C-alpha atoms as a PDB file:
ATOM      1  CA  MET A   1      15.627 -18.149 -25.739  1.00  0.00           C
ATOM      2  CA  LEU A   2      15.829 -15.834 -28.766  1.00  0.00           C
ATOM      3  CA  LEU A   3      17.636 -12.737 -27.473  1.00  0.00           C
ATOM      4  CA  PRO A   4      16.946  -9.190 -28.741  1.00  0.00           C
ATOM      5  CA  GLU A   5      19.577  -7.183 -30.581  1.00  0.00           C
ATOM      6  CA  ASP A   6      19.788  -4.446 -27.925  1.00  0.00           C
ATOM      7  CA  GLU A   7      22.865  -5.149 -25.795  1.00  0.00           C
ATOM      8  CA  THR A   8      21.431  -3.834 -22.510  1.00  0.00           C
ATOM      9  CA  LEU A   9      18.260  -5.907 -22.719  1.00  0.00           C
ATOM     10  CA  ARG A  10      20.154  -8.931 -24.037  1.00  0.00           C
ATOM     11  CA  ASP A  11      22.457  -8.770 -21.008  1.00  0.00           C
ATOM     12  CA  LEU A  12      19.529  -8.669 -18.572  1.00  0.00           C
ATOM     13  CA  LEU A  13      17.716 -11.570 -20.242  1.00  0.00           C
ATOM     14  CA  SER A  14      20.922 -13.617 -20.109  1.00  0.00           C
ATOM     15  CA  ARG A  15      21.175 -12.915 -16.368  1.00  0.00           C
ATOM     16  CA  LEU A  16      17.539 -13.949 -15.878  1.00  0.00           C
ATOM     17  CA  ASP A  17      18.249 -17.270 -17.612  1.00  0.00           C
ATOM     18  CA  LEU A  18      19.709 -18.835 -14.463  1.00  0.00           C
ATOM     19  CA  GLU A  19      22.226 -21.672 -14.528  1.00  0.00           C
ATOM     20  CA  PRO A  20      22.397 -24.651 -12.137  1.00  0.00           C
ATOM     21  CA  THR A  21      24.656 -23.697  -9.246  1.00  0.00           C
ATOM     22  CA  THR A  22      28.318 -24.729  -9.355  1.00  0.00           C
ATOM     23  CA  SER A  23      28.607 -24.677  -5.557  1.00  0.00           C
ATOM     24  CA  SER A  24      29.707 -27.906  -3.909  1.00  0.00           C
ATOM     25  CA  ARG A  25      27.285 -27.131  -1.048  1.00  0.00           C
ATOM     26  CA  HIS A  26      24.186 -27.160  -3.252  1.00  0.00           C
ATOM     27  CA  VAL A  27      23.581 -29.783  -5.901  1.00  0.00           C
ATOM     28  CA  GLY A  28      20.219 -30.584  -7.486  1.00  0.00           C
ATOM     29  CA  ASP A  29      17.334 -29.255  -9.547  1.00  0.00           C
ATOM     30  CA  ASP A  30      16.333 -26.608  -6.981  1.00  0.00           C
ATOM     31  CA  PHE A  31      19.597 -24.646  -6.811  1.00  0.00           C
ATOM     32  CA  PHE A  32      20.507 -21.907  -9.271  1.00  0.00           C
ATOM     33  CA  GLU A  33      23.223 -19.326  -9.792  1.00  0.00           C
ATOM     34  CA  GLY A  34      22.958 -15.758 -11.055  1.00  0.00           C
ATOM     35  CA  THR A  35      25.285 -12.835 -11.610  1.00  0.00           C
ATOM     36  CA  SER A  36      25.072  -9.050 -11.527  1.00  0.00           C
ATOM     37  CA  PRO A  37      26.600  -6.475 -13.863  1.00  0.00           C
ATOM     38  CA  PRO A  38      29.179  -4.131 -12.310  1.00  0.00           C
ATOM     39  CA  ALA A  39      27.585  -1.418 -10.170  1.00  0.00           C
ATOM     40  CA  GLY A  40      28.985   2.054  -9.560  1.00  0.00           C
ATOM     41  CA  ASN A  41      27.682   2.107  -5.981  1.00  0.00           C
ATOM     42  CA  GLY A  42      29.139  -1.327  -5.172  1.00  0.00           C
ATOM     43  CA  ARG A  43      25.712  -2.899  -4.564  1.00  0.00           C
ATOM     44  CA  ILE A  44      23.538  -5.250  -6.583  1.00  0.00           C
ATOM     45  CA  TYR A  45      20.363  -3.590  -7.845  1.00  0.00           C
ATOM     46  CA  GLY A  46      17.500  -4.950  -5.730  1.00  0.00           C
ATOM     47  CA  GLY A  47      15.164  -5.365  -8.687  1.00  0.00           C
ATOM     48  CA  LEU A  48      17.632  -7.783 -10.274  1.00  0.00           C
ATOM     49  CA  VAL A  49      17.737 -10.067  -7.215  1.00  0.00           C
ATOM     50  CA  PHE A  50      13.929  -9.940  -7.042  1.00  0.00           C
ATOM     51  CA  ALA A  51      13.593 -10.904 -10.711  1.00  0.00           C
ATOM     52  CA  GLN A  52      16.216 -13.652 -10.525  1.00  0.00           C
ATOM     53  CA  SER A  53      14.549 -15.116  -7.417  1.00  0.00           C
ATOM     54  CA  MET A  54      11.239 -15.167  -9.280  1.00  0.00           C
ATOM     55  CA  ARG A  55      12.859 -16.955 -12.207  1.00  0.00           C
ATOM     56  CA  ALA A  56      14.327 -19.553  -9.838  1.00  0.00           C
ATOM     57  CA  ALA A  57      10.890 -20.218  -8.313  1.00  0.00           C
ATOM     58  CA  GLN A  58       9.208 -20.295 -11.727  1.00  0.00           C
ATOM     59  CA  ALA A  59      11.709 -22.913 -12.958  1.00  0.00           C
ATOM     60  CA  THR A  60      10.418 -25.413 -10.348  1.00  0.00           C
ATOM     61  CA  VAL A  61       6.697 -25.000 -11.143  1.00  0.00           C
ATOM     62  CA  GLU A  62       4.625 -26.509 -13.946  1.00  0.00           C
ATOM     63  CA  PRO A  63       4.141 -23.842 -16.660  1.00  0.00           C
ATOM     64  CA  GLU A  64       0.337 -24.018 -16.495  1.00  0.00           C
ATOM     65  CA  ARG A  65       0.508 -22.663 -12.933  1.00  0.00           C
ATOM     66  CA  VAL A  66       0.797 -18.888 -13.052  1.00  0.00           C
ATOM     67  CA  ALA A  67       2.378 -16.686 -10.391  1.00  0.00           C
ATOM     68  CA  HIS A  68      -0.168 -14.479  -8.637  1.00  0.00           C
ATOM     69  CA  SER A  69       1.892 -13.077  -5.743  1.00  0.00           C
ATOM     70  CA  ALA A  70       5.488 -12.572  -4.636  1.00  0.00           C
ATOM     71  CA  HIS A  71       6.589 -11.270  -1.218  1.00  0.00           C
ATOM     72  CA  ALA A  72      10.240 -10.458  -0.622  1.00  0.00           C
ATOM     73  CA  TYR A  73      12.639  -9.013   1.967  1.00  0.00           C
ATOM     74  CA  PHE A  74      15.984  -7.393   1.227  1.00  0.00           C
ATOM     75  CA  LEU A  75      18.258  -8.673   4.001  1.00  0.00           C
ATOM     76  CA  ARG A  76      21.730  -7.392   3.153  1.00  0.00           C
ATOM     77  CA  PRO A  77      23.394  -5.475   0.306  1.00  0.00           C
ATOM     78  CA  GLY A  78      24.670  -7.780  -2.406  1.00  0.00           C
ATOM     79  CA  ASP A  79      28.202  -7.686  -3.831  1.00  0.00           C
ATOM     80  CA  PRO A  80      28.081  -7.358  -7.654  1.00  0.00           C
ATOM     81  CA  GLU A  81      31.522  -8.994  -7.917  1.00  0.00           C
ATOM     82  CA  GLN A  82      30.269 -12.275  -6.428  1.00  0.00           C
ATOM     83  CA  PRO A  83      27.793 -14.829  -7.858  1.00  0.00           C
ATOM     84  CA  ILE A  84      24.402 -15.237  -6.186  1.00  0.00           C
ATOM     85  CA  GLU A  85      23.099 -18.681  -5.240  1.00  0.00           C
ATOM     86  CA  TYR A  86      19.332 -19.218  -5.226  1.00  0.00           C
ATOM     87  CA  ALA A  87      17.978 -22.125  -3.167  1.00  0.00           C
ATOM     88  CA  VAL A  88      14.338 -23.023  -3.854  1.00  0.00           C
ATOM     89  CA  ASP A  89      12.220 -24.762  -1.230  1.00  0.00           C
ATOM     90  CA  ARG A  90       9.143 -26.535  -2.632  1.00  0.00           C
ATOM     91  CA  ILE A  91       6.817 -25.634   0.228  1.00  0.00           C
ATOM     92  CA  ARG A  92       3.555 -26.918  -1.251  1.00  0.00           C
ATOM     93  CA  ASP A  93       2.083 -28.376  -4.422  1.00  0.00           C
ATOM     94  CA  GLY A  94      -1.684 -28.399  -3.986  1.00  0.00           C
ATOM     95  CA  GLY A  95      -4.604 -29.096  -6.273  1.00  0.00           C
ATOM     96  CA  THR A  96      -4.895 -25.425  -7.283  1.00  0.00           C
ATOM     97  CA  PHE A  97      -2.091 -23.506  -5.556  1.00  0.00           C
ATOM     98  CA  THR A  98       1.675 -23.973  -5.426  1.00  0.00           C
ATOM     99  CA  THR A  99       4.040 -22.233  -3.001  1.00  0.00           C
ATOM    100  CA  ARG A 100       7.778 -21.733  -3.286  1.00  0.00           C
ATOM    101  CA  ARG A 101      10.341 -20.103  -1.006  1.00  0.00           C
ATOM    102  CA  VAL A 102      13.639 -18.802  -2.382  1.00  0.00           C
ATOM    103  CA  VAL A 103      16.675 -17.683  -0.379  1.00  0.00           C
ATOM    104  CA  ALA A 104      19.491 -15.853  -2.167  1.00  0.00           C
ATOM    105  CA  HIS A 105      22.977 -16.340  -0.703  1.00  0.00           C
ATOM    106  CA  GLN A 106      26.430 -14.957  -1.316  1.00  0.00           C
ATOM    107  CA  GLY A 107      28.821 -17.260   0.481  1.00  0.00           C
ATOM    108  CA  GLU A 108      27.344 -18.014   3.912  1.00  0.00           C
ATOM    109  CA  ARG A 109      25.254 -14.850   4.026  1.00  0.00           C
ATOM    110  CA  ALA A 110      21.599 -14.665   3.016  1.00  0.00           C
ATOM    111  CA  ILE A 111      20.965 -11.396   1.171  1.00  0.00           C
ATOM    112  CA  PHE A 112      17.321 -11.822   0.091  1.00  0.00           C
ATOM    113  CA  ASN A 113      14.338 -14.101   0.567  1.00  0.00           C
ATOM    114  CA  LEU A 114      11.138 -14.560  -1.401  1.00  0.00           C
ATOM    115  CA  SER A 115       7.830 -16.356  -0.958  1.00  0.00           C
ATOM    116  CA  MET A 116       5.907 -16.869  -4.171  1.00  0.00           C
ATOM    117  CA  SER A 117       2.503 -18.392  -4.891  1.00  0.00           C
ATOM    118  CA  PHE A 118       1.171 -19.858  -8.138  1.00  0.00           C
ATOM    119  CA  GLN A 119      -2.357 -20.807  -9.192  1.00  0.00           C
ATOM    120  CA  VAL A 120      -4.043 -22.811 -11.895  1.00  0.00           C
ATOM    121  CA  PRO A 121      -6.026 -20.102 -13.780  1.00  0.00           C
ATOM    122  CA  GLU A 122      -9.761 -20.001 -13.026  1.00  0.00           C
ATOM    123  CA  GLU A 123     -12.740 -18.465 -14.787  1.00  0.00           C
ATOM    124  CA  ALA A 124     -14.550 -16.286 -12.230  1.00  0.00           C
ATOM    125  CA  PRO A 125     -16.366 -12.936 -11.879  1.00  0.00           C
ATOM    126  CA  SER A 126     -13.988  -9.963 -11.883  1.00  0.00           C
ATOM    127  CA  ARG A 127     -13.851  -6.229 -11.240  1.00  0.00           C
ATOM    128  CA  GLN A 128     -11.174  -3.550 -10.905  1.00  0.00           C
ATOM    129  CA  VAL A 129     -10.577   0.109 -10.004  1.00  0.00           C
ATOM    130  CA  ASP A 130     -10.383   2.069 -13.261  1.00  0.00           C
ATOM    131  CA  VAL A 131      -8.135   5.040 -14.003  1.00  0.00           C
ATOM    132  CA  ASP A 132      -7.916   7.346 -16.982  1.00  0.00           C
ATOM    133  CA  VAL A 133      -4.991   5.972 -18.989  1.00  0.00           C
ATOM    134  CA  PRO A 134      -3.604   8.700 -21.289  1.00  0.00           C
ATOM    135  CA  GLY A 135      -3.809   8.034 -24.997  1.00  0.00           C
ATOM    136  CA  GLU A 136      -0.106   8.440 -25.716  1.00  0.00           C
ATOM    137  CA  PRO A 137       2.879   7.628 -23.486  1.00  0.00           C
ATOM    138  CA  LYS A 138       4.866  10.747 -22.623  1.00  0.00           C
ATOM    139  CA  GLY A 139       7.072  12.118 -19.877  1.00  0.00           C
ATOM    140  CA  GLU A 140      10.676  12.701 -18.910  1.00  0.00           C
ATOM    141  CA  GLU A 141      13.064   9.828 -19.544  1.00  0.00           C
ATOM    142  CA  TYR A 142      14.054   8.305 -16.192  1.00  0.00           C
ATOM    143  CA  GLU A 143      17.777   8.515 -16.982  1.00  0.00           C
ATOM    144  CA  GLU A 144      17.449  12.207 -17.905  1.00  0.00           C
ATOM    145  CA  GLY A 145      15.735  12.886 -14.580  1.00  0.00           C
ATOM    146  CA  ILE A 146      18.556  11.165 -12.697  1.00  0.00           C
ATOM    147  CA  LEU A 147      21.201  13.182 -14.555  1.00  0.00           C
ATOM    148  CA  ARG A 148      19.275  16.435 -14.042  1.00  0.00           C
ATOM    149  CA  GLY A 149      18.982  15.714 -10.320  1.00  0.00           C
ATOM    150  CA  SER A 150      22.659  14.840 -10.120  1.00  0.00           C
ATOM    151  CA  ALA A 151      23.603  18.109 -11.842  1.00  0.00           C
ATOM    152  CA  ALA A 152      21.505  20.054  -9.312  1.00  0.00           C
ATOM    153  CA  LEU A 153      23.506  18.403  -6.525  1.00  0.00           C
ATOM    154  CA  GLY A 154      26.900  19.055  -8.079  1.00  0.00           C
ATOM    155  CA  GLY A 155      27.071  16.343 -10.738  1.00  0.00           C
ATOM    156  CA  GLN A 156      28.016  13.183  -8.838  1.00  0.00           C
ATOM    157  CA  ILE A 157      26.582  10.883 -11.553  1.00  0.00           C
ATOM    158  CA  THR A 158      27.730  10.862 -15.173  1.00  0.00           C
ATOM    159  CA  ARG A 159      25.925   9.412 -18.189  1.00  0.00           C
ATOM    160  CA  GLU A 160      28.675   6.806 -18.547  1.00  0.00           C
ATOM    161  CA  GLN A 161      28.178   5.672 -14.940  1.00  0.00           C
ATOM    162  CA  LEU A 162      24.404   5.541 -15.329  1.00  0.00           C
ATOM    163  CA  GLY A 163      24.414   3.600 -18.581  1.00  0.00           C
ATOM    164  CA  SER A 164      21.089   2.664 -20.160  1.00  0.00           C
ATOM    165  CA  LEU A 165      18.144   0.793 -18.693  1.00  0.00           C
ATOM    166  CA  PRO A 166      16.643  -2.334 -20.294  1.00  0.00           C
ATOM    167  CA  VAL A 167      13.185  -0.913 -19.529  1.00  0.00           C
ATOM    168  CA  GLN A 168      12.248   2.557 -20.741  1.00  0.00           C
ATOM    169  CA  ILE A 169      10.551   4.668 -18.050  1.00  0.00           C
ATOM    170  CA  LEU A 170       8.764   7.924 -18.856  1.00  0.00           C
ATOM    171  CA  VAL A 171       7.812   9.990 -15.787  1.00  0.00           C
ATOM    172  CA  GLU A 172       4.860  12.346 -16.153  1.00  0.00           C
ATOM    173  CA  ASP A 173       5.621  15.858 -14.805  1.00  0.00           C
ATOM    174  CA  GLY A 174       9.304  14.953 -14.528  1.00  0.00           C
ATOM    175  CA  LEU A 175      11.367  12.931 -12.061  1.00  0.00           C
ATOM    176  CA  ASP A 176      11.924  14.771  -8.762  1.00  0.00           C
ATOM    177  CA  MET A 177      14.459  13.080  -6.451  1.00  0.00           C
ATOM    178  CA  THR A 178      16.192  16.163  -5.029  1.00  0.00           C
ATOM    179  CA  ALA A 179      13.489  18.672  -3.859  1.00  0.00           C
ATOM    180  CA  ASN A 180      16.231  21.327  -3.323  1.00  0.00           C
ATOM    181  CA  GLY A 181      14.752  22.435  -0.016  1.00  0.00           C
ATOM    182  CA  GLU A 182      11.283  22.962  -1.434  1.00  0.00           C
ATOM    183  CA  GLY A 183       9.106  19.823  -1.315  1.00  0.00           C
ATOM    184  CA  GLY A 184       5.384  20.341  -0.965  1.00  0.00           C
ATOM    185  CA  ARG A 185       4.327  18.102  -3.872  1.00  0.00           C
ATOM    186  CA  GLU A 186       1.642  15.484  -3.373  1.00  0.00           C
ATOM    187  CA  PRO A 187       3.042  11.966  -2.755  1.00  0.00           C
ATOM    188  CA  GLU A 188       2.002  10.765  -6.194  1.00  0.00           C
ATOM    189  CA  LEU A 189       3.723   9.818  -9.435  1.00  0.00           C
ATOM    190  CA  ARG A 190       2.591   8.461 -12.778  1.00  0.00           C
ATOM    191  CA  ALA A 191       4.913   6.809 -15.255  1.00  0.00           C
ATOM    192  CA  TRP A 192       5.073   4.570 -18.306  1.00  0.00           C
ATOM    193  CA  PHE A 193       7.139   1.364 -18.497  1.00  0.00           C
ATOM    194  CA  ARG A 194       8.163  -0.617 -21.572  1.00  0.00           C
ATOM    195  CA  ALA A 195      11.008  -2.991 -22.415  1.00  0.00           C
ATOM    196  CA  ILE A 196      13.283  -1.350 -24.967  1.00  0.00           C
ATOM    197  CA  ALA A 197      12.878  -4.245 -27.449  1.00  0.00           C
ATOM    198  CA  PRO A 198      10.413  -7.106 -28.064  1.00  0.00           C
ATOM    199  CA  LEU A 199      10.580 -10.043 -25.630  1.00  0.00           C
ATOM    200  CA  PRO A 200       9.895 -13.764 -26.027  1.00  0.00           C
ATOM    201  CA  ASP A 201       6.309 -15.003 -25.570  1.00  0.00           C
ATOM    202  CA  ASP A 202       6.836 -16.136 -21.982  1.00  0.00           C
ATOM    203  CA  PRO A 203       4.322 -14.638 -19.460  1.00  0.00           C
ATOM    204  CA  ALA A 204       6.560 -15.632 -16.520  1.00  0.00           C
ATOM    205  CA  LEU A 205       9.454 -13.644 -18.008  1.00  0.00           C
ATOM    206  CA  HIS A 206       7.233 -10.573 -18.435  1.00  0.00           C
ATOM    207  CA  GLN A 207       6.289 -10.819 -14.749  1.00  0.00           C
ATOM    208  CA  ALA A 208       9.948 -10.942 -13.718  1.00  0.00           C
ATOM    209  CA  MET A 209      10.770  -7.999 -15.982  1.00  0.00           C
ATOM    210  CA  LEU A 210       8.047  -5.872 -14.381  1.00  0.00           C
ATOM    211  CA  ALA A 211       9.351  -6.800 -10.925  1.00  0.00           C
ATOM    212  CA  TYR A 212      12.833  -5.759 -12.066  1.00  0.00           C
ATOM    213  CA  ALA A 213      11.642  -2.380 -13.330  1.00  0.00           C
ATOM    214  CA  SER A 214       9.239  -1.541 -10.510  1.00  0.00           C
ATOM    215  CA  ASP A 215      12.040  -1.222  -7.942  1.00  0.00           C
ATOM    216  CA  GLN A 216      13.285   1.896  -9.758  1.00  0.00           C
ATOM    217  CA  THR A 217      10.321   4.142  -8.905  1.00  0.00           C
ATOM    218  CA  ILE A 218       8.068   2.516  -6.311  1.00  0.00           C
ATOM    219  CA  VAL A 219       8.941   4.775  -3.340  1.00  0.00           C
ATOM    220  CA  VAL A 220       9.925   7.941  -5.228  1.00  0.00           C
ATOM    221  CA  ALA A 221       6.536   9.557  -4.564  1.00  0.00           C
ATOM    222  CA  ALA A 222       7.094   9.245  -0.791  1.00  0.00           C
ATOM    223  CA  GLN A 223       9.669  12.044  -0.768  1.00  0.00           C
ATOM    224  CA  HIS A 224       7.697  14.506  -2.905  1.00  0.00           C
ATOM    225  CA  PRO A 225       6.170  16.352   0.100  1.00  0.00           C
ATOM    226  CA  MET A 226       9.542  16.592   1.873  1.00  0.00           C
ATOM    227  CA  PRO A 227      12.138  19.403   1.553  1.00  0.00           C
ATOM    228  CA  TRP A 228      14.813  16.830   0.648  1.00  0.00           C
ATOM    229  CA  GLY A 229      15.044  13.960  -1.809  1.00  0.00           C
ATOM    230  CA  ILE A 230      16.372  10.435  -2.260  1.00  0.00           C
ATOM    231  CA  MET A 231      19.398  11.689  -4.200  1.00  0.00           C
ATOM    232  CA  ASP A 232      20.367  14.169  -1.475  1.00  0.00           C
ATOM    233  CA  PRO A 233      23.739  13.003  -0.062  1.00  0.00           C
ATOM    234  CA  ASP A 234      22.312  13.488   3.453  1.00  0.00           C
ATOM    235  CA  THR A 235      19.509  10.992   2.734  1.00  0.00           C
ATOM    236  CA  GLN A 236      20.083   7.265   3.256  1.00  0.00           C
ATOM    237  CA  SER A 237      17.700   5.148   1.184  1.00  0.00           C
ATOM    238  CA  ALA A 238      17.302   1.430   0.573  1.00  0.00           C
ATOM    239  CA  SER A 239      14.582  -1.074  -0.291  1.00  0.00           C
ATOM    240  CA  LEU A 240      13.402  -3.024   2.764  1.00  0.00           C
ATOM    241  CA  ASP A 241      10.821  -5.293   1.178  1.00  0.00           C
ATOM    242  CA  HIS A 242       8.830  -5.668  -2.028  1.00  0.00           C
ATOM    243  CA  ALA A 243       5.495  -7.358  -2.718  1.00  0.00           C
ATOM    244  CA  MET A 244       3.759  -7.838  -6.059  1.00  0.00           C
ATOM    245  CA  TRP A 245       0.436  -9.291  -7.145  1.00  0.00           C
ATOM    246  CA  PHE A 246      -0.200 -10.375 -10.733  1.00  0.00           C
ATOM    247  CA  HIS A 247      -3.865 -10.175 -11.722  1.00  0.00           C
ATOM    248  CA  GLU A 248      -3.661 -11.317 -15.352  1.00  0.00           C
ATOM    249  CA  ASP A 249      -1.180 -11.769 -18.182  1.00  0.00           C
ATOM    250  CA  PHE A 250       0.427  -8.735 -19.813  1.00  0.00           C
ATOM    251  CA  ARG A 251       3.362  -7.838 -22.017  1.00  0.00           C
ATOM    252  CA  ILE A 252       5.982  -5.440 -20.733  1.00  0.00           C
ATOM    253  CA  ASP A 253       7.247  -4.929 -24.286  1.00  0.00           C
ATOM    254  CA  ASP A 254       4.039  -2.913 -24.735  1.00  0.00           C
ATOM    255  CA  TRP A 255       3.473   0.191 -22.638  1.00  0.00           C
ATOM    256  CA  ILE A 256       2.367  -0.259 -19.006  1.00  0.00           C
ATOM    257  CA  TYR A 257       0.936   2.750 -17.145  1.00  0.00           C
ATOM    258  CA  ALA A 258       2.038   2.884 -13.485  1.00  0.00           C
ATOM    259  CA  VAL A 259       0.012   4.876 -10.935  1.00  0.00           C
ATOM    260  CA  HIS A 260       2.104   5.481  -7.774  1.00  0.00           C
ATOM    261  CA  ASP A 261       1.227   6.910  -4.391  1.00  0.00           C
ATOM    262  CA  SER A 262       2.610   6.890  -0.844  1.00  0.00           C
ATOM    263  CA  PRO A 263       0.186   7.102   2.083  1.00  0.00           C
ATOM    264  CA  VAL A 264       2.752   7.371   4.888  1.00  0.00           C
ATOM    265  CA  LEU A 265       6.365   8.141   5.822  1.00  0.00           C
ATOM    266  CA  LYS A 266       7.134   7.455   9.500  1.00  0.00           C
ATOM    267  CA  GLY A 267      10.049   6.094  11.491  1.00  0.00           C
ATOM    268  CA  SER A 268      12.336   6.662   8.471  1.00  0.00           C
ATOM    269  CA  ARG A 269      10.215   4.121   6.547  1.00  0.00           C
ATOM    270  CA  ALA A 270       8.274   5.148   3.447  1.00  0.00           C
ATOM    271  CA  LEU A 271       5.436   3.091   2.008  1.00  0.00           C
ATOM    272  CA  GLY A 272       5.072   3.113  -1.771  1.00  0.00           C
ATOM    273  CA  ARG A 273       2.205   1.609  -3.806  1.00  0.00           C
ATOM    274  CA  VAL A 274       1.772   1.107  -7.550  1.00  0.00           C
ATOM    275  CA  LEU A 275      -1.081  -0.050  -9.776  1.00  0.00           C
ATOM    276  CA  PHE A 276      -0.037  -1.188 -13.268  1.00  0.00           C
ATOM    277  CA  TYR A 277      -2.446  -0.784 -16.206  1.00  0.00           C
ATOM    278  CA  THR A 278      -2.222  -1.749 -19.857  1.00  0.00           C
ATOM    279  CA  ARG A 279      -2.918   0.845 -22.533  1.00  0.00           C
ATOM    280  CA  ASP A 280      -6.490  -0.452 -22.854  1.00  0.00           C
ATOM    281  CA  GLY A 281      -7.103   0.051 -19.118  1.00  0.00           C
ATOM    282  CA  ARG A 282      -6.700  -3.475 -17.696  1.00  0.00           C
ATOM    283  CA  LEU A 283      -5.295  -3.559 -14.144  1.00  0.00           C
ATOM    284  CA  VAL A 284      -2.708  -6.326 -14.527  1.00  0.00           C
ATOM    285  CA  ALA A 285      -0.444  -6.011 -11.477  1.00  0.00           C
ATOM    286  CA  SER A 286      -0.036  -4.209  -8.152  1.00  0.00           C
ATOM    287  CA  ALA A 287       3.010  -3.595  -5.970  1.00  0.00           C
ATOM    288  CA  VAL A 288       3.832  -2.325  -2.480  1.00  0.00           C
ATOM    289  CA  GLN A 289       7.220  -1.565  -0.993  1.00  0.00           C
ATOM    290  CA  GLU A 290       8.525  -0.189   2.283  1.00  0.00           C
ATOM    291  CA  GLY A 291      11.758   1.689   1.800  1.00  0.00           C
ATOM    292  CA  LEU A 292      14.260   3.211   4.182  1.00  0.00           C
ATOM    293  CA  MET A 293      14.312   6.994   3.825  1.00  0.00           C
ATOM    294  CA  ARG A 294      16.515   8.283   6.632  1.00  0.00           C
ATOM    295  CA  ARG A 295      18.117  11.669   7.123  1.00  0.00           C
ATOM    296  CA  ARG A 296      21.709  11.311   8.265  1.00  0.00           C
ATOM    297  CA  GLU A 297      22.618  12.670  11.695  1.00  0.00           C
ATOM    298  CA  GLY A 298      23.138  16.421  11.632  1.00  0.00           C
ATOM    299  CA  ALA A 299      21.331  16.907   8.315  1.00  0.00           C
ATOM    300  CA  GLY A 300      18.583  18.969   9.931  1.00  0.00           C
ATOM    301  CA  ILE A 301      15.217  17.355   9.376  1.00  0.00           C
ATOM    302  CA  ARG A 302      12.612  19.990   8.579  1.00  0.00           C
ATOM    303  CA  LEU A 303       9.082  20.334   9.882  1.00  0.00           C
ATOM    304  CA  ARG A 304       6.891  17.319   9.140  1.00  0.00           C
ATOM    305  CA  ARG A 305       4.287  18.082   6.501  1.00  0.00           C
ATOM    306  CA  ARG A 306       0.908  16.480   6.008  1.00  0.00           C
ATOM    307  CA  SER A 307      -0.386  15.671   2.565  1.00  0.00           C
ATOM    308  CA  LYS A 308      -3.868  14.752   1.455  1.00  0.00           C
ATOM    309  CA  LEU A 309      -4.201  12.115  -1.225  1.00  0.00           C
ATOM    310  CA  ARG A 310      -6.348  13.171  -4.130  1.00  0.00           C
END
């Protein structure tokens, strides 16, 4: 794989190029090993485990079969200091569809599992829901929004701790993850995604990269109506699951327009949805995630507010 010059993106692509596992428990073509960069919060970023699991599944499937769906559960927090073992189960190889199951382990503990389906491409009638894709990508840089939110809460995150992302994210109308006791915004968000440098011509890699990036923003819109935010120290948040559907090929090193919404937040679980469009208006992928969004005991949950989706 020809790696880009940017160090951040080069590091991610190296981590997505999984190696055969070195574990004595797992030997064979269906076992892989991945690693995580150091993490300030002591946990592996969920989008990385999702993307690495996809790459493990993709490595066991004929390249002419294209992933069309991936359904995952986050089981336990991962330790960034320990390697991750990915065990692939070849569930089915049919005439048109192929199914794989991947379980990610650290030691004896499963931290993540994934079911993924592939299909031989077919020519068939098609349709989609259209949106107005703006002519030019614009918005607040995701990292700047995180730092601004951190400053509003007393500055617990520094630029050095945050580092740089391998995928540039521009958030229309700014990133709001604090609310500062106000809330009242509609549970919607629109953003642009693009890898920060050109990528190899590998459609499967572009799928994994979008999965990696989507975990950053998918449930952010859920807290917009609330008087508190994900970054509030009295809010506990975590990804519970993540599902993606891939409708046709795309390149994430060209801009992707992401239309987010959140229809419900109940039982401390927020549902986030995203539709991903190319600049010329093609709907190329969709995603849904349920995320934990829990107020810690004694934080004083405010009056529940209803929001109407536009």
